[in-house]
Amino acid sequence: MDKIKIILTVLLITFFSFFNISNAKSETLQVSDVLLDVDILRNKEVNVKGFFMSLGTLAYIYEELGSMNFIMVETKNAPREDRKYLLKNCGSGCTITLNGKLSESFGLITLNLNGIIK
């Protein structure tokens, strides 16, 4: 009976740990969380909060202003109103929460922007 309790406990802990990570899009992650858990979060939709900056067509979200921890942000498929908001209100940087799907290529993590979380 004790073996069954132990096995059930381990199975429940494993299930809820996986469930929590797989539902990352329902919680807001920091840039450092994404960088540390990229293997689990790759190809998943997530919300990421950080300091957004863009230089022309290049866009990045940093952990905070002055941080070197960043994720590249691909904005071309985002709704026009969100892209316009980023251009007008975040040209010199702003703290914001973004929603998108994560990808990784050659070690560069990219958030393919779906939209802004307001």
N, C-alpha and C. Protein backbone atom coordinates (compact mmCIF):
# COMPACT_ATOMS: atom_id res chain seq x y z
N MET A 1 0.82 -1.19 0.00
CA MET A 1 0.00 0.00 0.00
C MET A 1 0.86 1.26 0.00
N ASP A 2 1.96 1.23 0.76
CA ASP A 2 2.86 2.38 0.82
C ASP A 2 3.52 2.62 -0.53
N LYS A 3 3.83 1.54 -1.26
CA LYS A 3 4.44 1.69 -2.59
C LYS A 3 3.47 2.38 -3.54
N ILE A 4 2.21 2.05 -3.45
CA ILE A 4 1.19 2.66 -4.32
C ILE A 4 1.08 4.16 -4.01
N LYS A 5 1.09 4.52 -2.73
CA LYS A 5 1.02 5.93 -2.34
C LYS A 5 2.23 6.70 -2.88
N ILE A 6 3.39 6.10 -2.78
CA ILE A 6 4.62 6.76 -3.26
C ILE A 6 4.55 6.94 -4.77
N ILE A 7 4.14 5.90 -5.48
CA ILE A 7 4.04 5.98 -6.94
C ILE A 7 3.02 7.03 -7.35
N LEU A 8 1.87 7.05 -6.71
CA LEU A 8 0.84 8.05 -7.02
C LEU A 8 1.33 9.46 -6.74
N THR A 9 2.04 9.65 -5.65
CA THR A 9 2.59 10.97 -5.31
C THR A 9 3.57 11.43 -6.37
N VAL A 10 4.46 10.56 -6.78
CA VAL A 10 5.44 10.90 -7.82
C VAL A 10 4.73 11.23 -9.13
N LEU A 11 3.74 10.44 -9.51
CA LEU A 11 2.99 10.69 -10.74
C LEU A 11 2.25 12.03 -10.69
N LEU A 12 1.63 12.34 -9.57
CA LEU A 12 0.93 13.62 -9.43
C LEU A 12 1.88 14.81 -9.50
N ILE A 13 3.01 14.72 -8.83
CA ILE A 13 4.00 15.80 -8.86
C ILE A 13 4.51 16.00 -10.28
N THR A 14 4.81 14.91 -10.97
CA THR A 14 5.29 14.99 -12.35
C THR A 14 4.23 15.61 -13.26
N PHE A 15 2.98 15.17 -13.12
CA PHE A 15 1.90 15.69 -13.95
C PHE A 15 1.72 17.19 -13.73
N PHE A 16 1.66 17.63 -12.47
CA PHE A 16 1.41 19.04 -12.21
C PHE A 16 2.61 19.91 -12.57
N SER A 17 3.81 19.37 -12.47
CA SER A 17 5.00 20.12 -12.91
C SER A 17 4.94 20.34 -14.42
N PHE A 18 4.62 19.29 -15.17
CA PHE A 18 4.51 19.42 -16.62
C PHE A 18 3.35 20.35 -16.99
N PHE A 19 2.23 20.19 -16.30
CA PHE A 19 1.04 21.02 -16.57
C PHE A 19 1.36 22.49 -16.35
N ASN A 20 2.11 22.82 -15.32
CA ASN A 20 2.48 24.20 -15.02
C ASN A 20 3.35 24.78 -16.12
N ILE A 21 4.33 24.05 -16.61
CA ILE A 21 5.22 24.53 -17.66
C ILE A 21 4.49 24.61 -18.99
N SER A 22 3.65 23.63 -19.30
CA SER A 22 2.98 23.63 -20.59
C SER A 22 1.93 24.73 -20.68
N ASN A 23 1.48 25.26 -19.58
CA ASN A 23 0.53 26.35 -19.58
C ASN A 23 1.21 27.68 -19.29
N ALA A 24 2.46 27.81 -19.72
CA ALA A 24 3.22 29.03 -19.46
C ALA A 24 2.58 30.25 -20.08
N LYS A 25 1.78 30.08 -21.14
CA LYS A 25 1.16 31.23 -21.78
C LYS A 25 0.16 31.91 -20.87
N SER A 26 -0.32 31.22 -19.84
CA SER A 26 -1.29 31.83 -18.94
C SER A 26 -0.60 32.65 -17.85
N GLU A 27 0.69 32.52 -17.69
CA GLU A 27 1.42 33.31 -16.72
C GLU A 27 2.43 34.19 -17.45
N THR A 28 2.85 35.24 -16.80
CA THR A 28 3.82 36.15 -17.41
C THR A 28 5.21 35.77 -16.94
N LEU A 29 6.10 35.54 -17.90
CA LEU A 29 7.47 35.15 -17.61
C LEU A 29 8.40 36.35 -17.73
N GLN A 30 9.51 36.29 -17.03
CA GLN A 30 10.57 37.26 -17.20
C GLN A 30 11.50 36.73 -18.29
N VAL A 31 12.30 37.62 -18.84
CA VAL A 31 13.24 37.23 -19.89
C VAL A 31 14.17 36.13 -19.37
N SER A 32 14.63 36.25 -18.14
CA SER A 32 15.54 35.24 -17.58
C SER A 32 14.88 33.87 -17.50
N ASP A 33 13.56 33.82 -17.21
CA ASP A 33 12.85 32.53 -17.19
C ASP A 33 12.89 31.88 -18.57
N VAL A 34 12.65 32.68 -19.60
CA VAL A 34 12.66 32.16 -20.98
C VAL A 34 14.06 31.65 -21.33
N LEU A 35 15.09 32.42 -20.99
CA LEU A 35 16.45 32.02 -21.32
C LEU A 35 16.83 30.71 -20.61
N LEU A 36 16.40 30.55 -19.38
CA LEU A 36 16.73 29.35 -18.61
C LEU A 36 15.93 28.12 -19.04
N ASP A 37 14.69 28.33 -19.49
CA ASP A 37 13.80 27.22 -19.82
C ASP A 37 13.49 27.11 -21.30
N VAL A 38 14.35 27.63 -22.15
CA VAL A 38 14.07 27.65 -23.58
C VAL A 38 13.83 26.26 -24.16
N ASP A 39 14.49 25.25 -23.65
CA ASP A 39 14.31 23.90 -24.18
C ASP A 39 12.88 23.40 -23.95
N ILE A 40 12.27 23.81 -22.86
CA ILE A 40 10.90 23.41 -22.55
C ILE A 40 9.90 24.31 -23.27
N LEU A 41 10.25 25.60 -23.39
CA LEU A 41 9.31 26.60 -23.91
C LEU A 41 9.36 26.78 -25.43
N ARG A 42 10.36 26.21 -26.09
CA ARG A 42 10.49 26.35 -27.55
C ARG A 42 9.21 25.91 -28.24
N ASN A 43 8.75 26.70 -29.21
CA ASN A 43 7.53 26.45 -29.97
C ASN A 43 6.25 26.57 -29.15
N LYS A 44 6.35 27.18 -27.97
CA LYS A 44 5.17 27.40 -27.13
C LYS A 44 4.82 28.89 -27.17
N GLU A 45 3.54 29.18 -26.94
CA GLU A 45 3.08 30.57 -26.84
C GLU A 45 3.26 31.02 -25.39
N VAL A 46 3.90 32.16 -25.20
CA VAL A 46 4.19 32.67 -23.85
C VAL A 46 3.91 34.17 -23.77
N ASN A 47 3.76 34.66 -22.54
CA ASN A 47 3.72 36.08 -22.25
C ASN A 47 5.04 36.43 -21.58
N VAL A 48 5.71 37.47 -22.08
CA VAL A 48 7.01 37.88 -21.54
C VAL A 48 6.95 39.35 -21.19
N LYS A 49 7.35 39.66 -19.95
CA LYS A 49 7.40 41.06 -19.52
C LYS A 49 8.85 41.50 -19.46
N GLY A 50 9.09 42.70 -19.99
CA GLY A 50 10.44 43.24 -19.95
C GLY A 50 10.50 44.64 -20.54
N PHE A 51 11.70 45.08 -20.82
CA PHE A 51 11.93 46.41 -21.37
C PHE A 51 12.18 46.25 -22.87
N PHE A 52 11.25 46.77 -23.67
CA PHE A 52 11.28 46.63 -25.13
C PHE A 52 12.03 47.80 -25.74
N MET A 53 12.91 47.50 -26.70
CA MET A 53 13.60 48.52 -27.47
C MET A 53 13.71 48.06 -28.92
N SER A 54 13.64 49.03 -29.84
CA SER A 54 13.82 48.68 -31.24
C SER A 54 14.79 49.65 -31.89
N LEU A 55 15.52 49.13 -32.86
CA LEU A 55 16.46 49.91 -33.66
C LEU A 55 16.11 49.62 -35.11
N GLY A 56 15.30 50.47 -35.70
CA GLY A 56 14.83 50.20 -37.06
C GLY A 56 13.93 48.99 -37.06
N THR A 57 14.30 47.98 -37.83
CA THR A 57 13.49 46.76 -37.89
C THR A 57 13.92 45.71 -36.86
N LEU A 58 14.98 45.98 -36.13
CA LEU A 58 15.43 45.05 -35.09
C LEU A 58 14.76 45.41 -33.78
N ALA A 59 14.18 44.42 -33.10
CA ALA A 59 13.50 44.67 -31.84
C ALA A 59 13.93 43.63 -30.82
N TYR A 60 14.04 44.07 -29.57
CA TYR A 60 14.49 43.21 -28.49
C TYR A 60 13.68 43.50 -27.24
N ILE A 61 13.50 42.48 -26.40
CA ILE A 61 12.94 42.68 -25.08
C ILE A 61 14.00 42.22 -24.08
N TYR A 62 14.35 43.13 -23.18
CA TYR A 62 15.38 42.91 -22.17
C TYR A 62 14.73 42.62 -20.82
N GLU A 63 15.48 42.01 -19.93
CA GLU A 63 15.01 41.76 -18.57
C GLU A 63 14.55 43.07 -17.93
N GLU A 64 15.38 44.09 -18.06
CA GLU A 64 15.08 45.43 -17.55
C GLU A 64 16.02 46.41 -18.25
N LEU A 65 15.77 47.68 -18.08
CA LEU A 65 16.62 48.70 -18.69
C LEU A 65 18.06 48.51 -18.22
N GLY A 66 18.98 48.42 -19.15
CA GLY A 66 20.40 48.25 -18.83
C GLY A 66 20.86 46.81 -18.75
N SER A 67 19.94 45.86 -18.82
CA SER A 67 20.29 44.45 -18.74
C SER A 67 20.85 43.97 -20.08
N MET A 68 21.69 42.95 -20.03
CA MET A 68 22.20 42.34 -21.25
C MET A 68 21.48 41.03 -21.56
N ASN A 69 20.52 40.64 -20.73
CA ASN A 69 19.70 39.47 -20.99
C ASN A 69 18.56 39.90 -21.90
N PHE A 70 18.49 39.32 -23.10
CA PHE A 70 17.48 39.76 -24.05
C PHE A 70 16.96 38.61 -24.90
N ILE A 71 15.81 38.87 -25.52
CA ILE A 71 15.22 37.99 -26.51
C ILE A 71 14.91 38.86 -27.72
N MET A 72 15.23 38.38 -28.89
CA MET A 72 14.89 39.11 -30.11
C MET A 72 13.38 39.01 -30.31
N VAL A 73 12.76 40.09 -30.84
CA VAL A 73 11.32 40.11 -31.08
C VAL A 73 11.08 40.33 -32.57
N GLU A 74 10.37 39.39 -33.18
CA GLU A 74 9.99 39.49 -34.59
C GLU A 74 8.57 40.06 -34.64
N THR A 75 8.45 41.28 -35.18
CA THR A 75 7.16 41.98 -35.14
C THR A 75 6.37 41.91 -36.44
N LYS A 76 6.93 41.38 -37.52
CA LYS A 76 6.31 41.51 -38.84
C LYS A 76 4.93 40.85 -38.95
N ASN A 77 4.63 39.84 -38.15
CA ASN A 77 3.33 39.16 -38.23
C ASN A 77 2.33 39.63 -37.18
N ALA A 78 2.74 40.61 -36.36
CA ALA A 78 1.84 41.14 -35.34
C ALA A 78 0.79 42.05 -35.98
N PRO A 79 -0.34 42.25 -35.30
CA PRO A 79 -1.35 43.17 -35.83
C PRO A 79 -0.76 44.57 -36.04
N ARG A 80 -1.24 45.26 -37.06
CA ARG A 80 -0.73 46.58 -37.41
C ARG A 80 -0.84 47.55 -36.23
N GLU A 81 -1.95 47.52 -35.50
CA GLU A 81 -2.12 48.45 -34.38
C GLU A 81 -1.08 48.23 -33.29
N ASP A 82 -0.67 46.98 -33.07
CA ASP A 82 0.38 46.69 -32.08
C ASP A 82 1.73 47.17 -32.58
N ARG A 83 2.02 46.95 -33.85
CA ARG A 83 3.29 47.43 -34.41
C ARG A 83 3.36 48.95 -34.35
N LYS A 84 2.24 49.61 -34.64
CA LYS A 84 2.20 51.07 -34.57
C LYS A 84 2.40 51.55 -33.14
N TYR A 85 1.77 50.88 -32.19
CA TYR A 85 1.95 51.23 -30.77
C TYR A 85 3.43 51.15 -30.38
N LEU A 86 4.09 50.07 -30.79
CA LEU A 86 5.51 49.90 -30.45
C LEU A 86 6.36 50.99 -31.09
N LEU A 87 6.07 51.35 -32.32
CA LEU A 87 6.83 52.41 -33.01
C LEU A 87 6.62 53.77 -32.35
N LYS A 88 5.39 54.09 -32.01
CA LYS A 88 5.08 55.41 -31.48
C LYS A 88 5.40 55.56 -30.00
N ASN A 89 5.16 54.52 -29.23
CA ASN A 89 5.27 54.63 -27.77
C ASN A 89 6.51 53.98 -27.17
N CYS A 90 7.19 53.15 -27.96
CA CYS A 90 8.33 52.42 -27.40
C CYS A 90 9.60 52.63 -28.23
N GLY A 91 9.64 53.69 -29.02
CA GLY A 91 10.81 53.95 -29.85
C GLY A 91 12.09 54.07 -29.04
N SER A 92 11.99 54.72 -27.89
CA SER A 92 13.18 54.86 -27.03
C SER A 92 13.13 53.89 -25.87
N GLY A 93 12.19 52.95 -25.92
CA GLY A 93 12.10 51.90 -24.91
C GLY A 93 10.89 52.06 -24.01
N CYS A 94 10.34 50.95 -23.57
CA CYS A 94 9.21 50.96 -22.63
C CYS A 94 9.11 49.60 -21.95
N THR A 95 8.54 49.59 -20.78
CA THR A 95 8.26 48.34 -20.09
C THR A 95 6.91 47.84 -20.58
N ILE A 96 6.87 46.57 -20.99
CA ILE A 96 5.69 46.05 -21.67
C ILE A 96 5.62 44.53 -21.51
N THR A 97 4.42 43.98 -21.70
CA THR A 97 4.24 42.53 -21.73
C THR A 97 3.81 42.14 -23.14
N LEU A 98 4.56 41.20 -23.73
CA LEU A 98 4.31 40.75 -25.09
C LEU A 98 3.88 39.29 -25.10
N ASN A 99 3.04 38.93 -26.06
CA ASN A 99 2.62 37.55 -26.25
C ASN A 99 3.14 37.07 -27.60
N GLY A 100 3.70 35.88 -27.62
CA GLY A 100 4.18 35.33 -28.88
C GLY A 100 4.66 33.91 -28.72
N LYS A 101 5.11 33.37 -29.84
CA LYS A 101 5.62 32.00 -29.88
C LYS A 101 7.14 32.04 -29.94
N LEU A 102 7.76 31.23 -29.11
CA LEU A 102 9.23 31.21 -29.02
C LEU A 102 9.85 30.27 -30.04
N SER A 103 10.96 30.72 -30.61
CA SER A 103 11.76 29.86 -31.49
C SER A 103 13.21 30.12 -31.17
N GLU A 104 14.06 29.22 -31.63
CA GLU A 104 15.50 29.36 -31.41
C GLU A 104 16.23 28.92 -32.65
N SER A 105 17.15 29.74 -33.09
CA SER A 105 17.96 29.41 -34.25
C SER A 105 19.39 29.85 -34.00
N PHE A 106 20.32 28.92 -34.06
CA PHE A 106 21.74 29.20 -33.84
C PHE A 106 21.97 29.89 -32.50
N GLY A 107 21.21 29.49 -31.49
CA GLY A 107 21.38 30.04 -30.15
C GLY A 107 20.67 31.36 -29.90
N LEU A 108 20.07 31.96 -30.92
CA LEU A 108 19.34 33.21 -30.76
C LEU A 108 17.87 32.90 -30.53
N ILE A 109 17.36 33.30 -29.38
CA ILE A 109 15.96 33.05 -29.04
C ILE A 109 15.13 34.21 -29.56
N THR A 110 14.05 33.87 -30.26
CA THR A 110 13.18 34.88 -30.87
C THR A 110 11.75 34.68 -30.41
N LEU A 111 11.10 35.80 -30.06
CA LEU A 111 9.68 35.80 -29.76
C LEU A 111 8.96 36.31 -30.99
N ASN A 112 8.20 35.45 -31.65
CA ASN A 112 7.42 35.84 -32.83
C ASN A 112 6.13 36.47 -32.31
N LEU A 113 6.06 37.79 -32.36
CA LEU A 113 5.03 38.55 -31.67
C LEU A 113 3.64 38.29 -32.23
N ASN A 114 2.72 37.92 -31.31
CA ASN A 114 1.30 37.81 -31.64
C ASN A 114 0.57 39.08 -31.26
N GLY A 115 1.03 39.72 -30.19
CA GLY A 115 0.37 40.93 -29.75
C GLY A 115 0.90 41.43 -28.42
N ILE A 116 0.37 42.59 -28.03
CA ILE A 116 0.72 43.23 -26.76
C ILE A 116 -0.34 42.86 -25.74
N ILE A 117 0.08 42.55 -24.53
CA ILE A 117 -0.83 42.27 -23.43
C ILE A 117 -1.02 43.59 -22.68
N LYS A 118 -2.26 44.06 -22.67
CA LYS A 118 -2.55 45.35 -22.02
C LYS A 118 -3.28 45.14 -20.72
